Amino acid sequence: MLLEYIAIGVMIALATVIAVIAIGLGELFGPKKRSSVKSEPYESGIAPIGPGTRRMPVRFYLIAVLFILFDIEVIFFLPWAVVFRQLGLFGLAEMAIFIVILLIGYIYAWKKGALEWE
């Protein structure tokens, strides 16, 4: 029974060895000279202005979380669509309840102004 898990154990061990070798080679052959210029954040070739960490508005995170939440909930439509005919009227009613709950959450977020990008 445990013979079935040997392949998984070998794969995990092999991945660990490869990761250790890659990190070791990077440390061994990588650049060692540190400087303040190399430590600066770099993006788009523009010289950074101000501190490297800036406060982000909470609204950005709220919209991102709402997007992920509704995106993941919409994923539940695919399995339902695959077995729709086997579920019959019961499956249709259950999905209608699910969609109503989704719409209530969406309308609530919309009315609270959570989807406004300022």
Protein backbone atom coordinates (compact mmCIF):
# COMPACT_ATOMS: atom_id res chain seq x y z
CA MET A 1 0.00 0.00 0.00
CA LEU A 2 2.84 2.41 0.77
CA LEU A 3 4.52 1.57 -2.54
CA GLU A 4 2.07 3.90 -4.27
CA TYR A 5 3.48 6.85 -2.31
CA ILE A 6 7.13 6.17 -3.13
CA ALA A 7 6.87 8.07 -6.42
CA ILE A 8 5.52 11.14 -4.60
CA GLY A 9 8.30 10.92 -2.01
CA VAL A 10 10.96 10.63 -4.72
CA MET A 11 9.48 13.61 -6.55
CA ILE A 12 9.47 15.76 -3.39
CA ALA A 13 13.04 14.74 -2.58
CA LEU A 14 14.20 15.46 -6.14
CA ALA A 15 12.48 18.88 -6.14
CA THR A 16 14.12 19.72 -2.82
CA VAL A 17 17.58 18.71 -4.07
CA ILE A 18 17.16 20.74 -7.28
CA ALA A 19 15.99 23.79 -5.28
CA VAL A 20 18.97 23.55 -2.90
CA ILE A 21 21.37 23.18 -5.82
CA ALA A 22 19.86 26.19 -7.63
CA ILE A 23 20.08 28.39 -4.53
CA GLY A 24 23.59 27.18 -3.80
CA LEU A 25 24.80 27.90 -7.34
CA GLY A 26 23.26 31.37 -7.18
CA GLU A 27 25.04 32.11 -3.93
CA LEU A 28 28.31 30.62 -5.18
CA PHE A 29 28.50 32.27 -8.61
CA GLY A 30 26.21 35.28 -8.11
CA PRO A 31 27.35 38.89 -7.68
CA LYS A 32 28.66 39.63 -4.22
CA LYS A 33 29.38 43.36 -4.31
CA ARG A 34 26.57 45.28 -2.64
CA SER A 35 25.98 48.98 -3.25
CA SER A 36 23.30 51.53 -2.51
CA VAL A 37 22.45 51.82 -6.22
CA LYS A 38 21.82 48.08 -6.49
CA SER A 39 19.61 48.17 -3.41
CA GLU A 40 17.26 50.84 -4.83
CA PRO A 41 13.92 49.81 -6.25
CA TYR A 42 13.86 49.91 -10.03
CA GLU A 43 10.87 50.12 -12.31
CA SER A 44 10.48 51.40 -15.87
CA GLY A 45 13.86 53.14 -15.85
CA ILE A 46 12.50 55.97 -13.73
CA ALA A 47 14.52 57.11 -10.75
CA PRO A 48 12.55 56.40 -7.57
CA ILE A 49 11.10 59.41 -5.77
CA GLY A 50 10.26 59.21 -2.09
CA PRO A 51 10.36 56.13 0.11
CA GLY A 52 10.32 52.65 -1.37
CA THR A 53 7.20 51.74 0.54
CA ARG A 54 4.15 53.92 0.18
CA ARG A 55 0.79 53.63 1.81
CA MET A 56 -1.72 52.06 -0.51
CA PRO A 57 -5.37 53.01 -0.20
CA VAL A 58 -7.52 50.37 1.46
CA ARG A 59 -10.00 50.69 -1.39
CA PHE A 60 -7.51 48.99 -3.75
CA TYR A 61 -7.35 45.93 -1.51
CA LEU A 62 -11.10 45.92 -1.03
CA ILE A 63 -11.74 45.85 -4.78
CA ALA A 64 -9.11 43.15 -5.26
CA VAL A 65 -10.64 40.96 -2.54
CA LEU A 66 -14.14 41.47 -3.94
CA PHE A 67 -12.90 40.53 -7.41
CA ILE A 68 -11.30 37.34 -6.11
CA LEU A 69 -14.39 36.51 -4.04
CA PHE A 70 -16.83 36.88 -6.93
CA ASP A 71 -14.41 35.26 -9.38
CA ILE A 72 -14.07 32.15 -7.22
CA GLU A 73 -17.81 31.94 -6.69
CA VAL A 74 -18.41 32.08 -10.44
CA ILE A 75 -16.13 29.05 -10.84
CA PHE A 76 -18.91 26.99 -9.24
CA PHE A 77 -20.99 27.47 -12.41
CA LEU A 78 -18.82 25.10 -14.48
CA PRO A 79 -19.41 21.88 -12.49
CA TRP A 80 -23.09 22.74 -12.29
CA ALA A 81 -23.26 23.25 -16.06
CA VAL A 82 -21.58 19.89 -16.67
CA VAL A 83 -24.15 17.92 -14.65
CA PHE A 84 -27.12 20.23 -15.21
CA ARG A 85 -29.34 17.66 -16.95
CA GLN A 86 -28.71 15.00 -14.29
CA LEU A 87 -29.65 17.36 -11.47
CA GLY A 88 -32.96 18.33 -12.99
CA LEU A 89 -35.26 20.85 -11.34
CA PHE A 90 -33.54 20.49 -7.96
CA GLY A 91 -30.20 21.55 -9.42
CA LEU A 92 -31.81 24.49 -11.18
CA ALA A 93 -33.45 25.66 -7.94
CA GLU A 94 -30.20 25.31 -6.00
CA MET A 95 -28.30 27.33 -8.59
CA ALA A 96 -31.02 29.98 -8.62
CA ILE A 97 -30.63 30.33 -4.83
CA PHE A 98 -26.84 30.54 -5.25
CA ILE A 99 -27.18 33.26 -7.91
CA VAL A 100 -29.62 35.22 -5.74
CA ILE A 101 -27.14 35.12 -2.85
CA LEU A 102 -24.38 36.29 -5.19
CA LEU A 103 -26.54 39.13 -6.49
CA ILE A 104 -27.43 40.23 -2.95
CA GLY A 105 -23.73 40.40 -2.07
CA TYR A 106 -22.90 42.24 -5.27
CA ILE A 107 -25.69 44.77 -4.82
CA TYR A 108 -24.69 45.30 -1.17
CA ALA A 109 -21.06 45.98 -2.17
CA TRP A 110 -22.24 48.28 -4.96
CA LYS A 111 -24.56 50.29 -2.68
CA LYS A 112 -21.80 50.65 -0.04
CA GLY A 113 -19.53 52.14 -2.72
CA ALA A 114 -16.98 49.33 -2.53
CA LEU A 115 -16.72 49.18 -6.32
CA GLU A 116 -15.99 52.88 -6.82
CA TRP A 117 -12.46 53.55 -8.01
CA GLU A 118 -11.29 57.00 -6.96
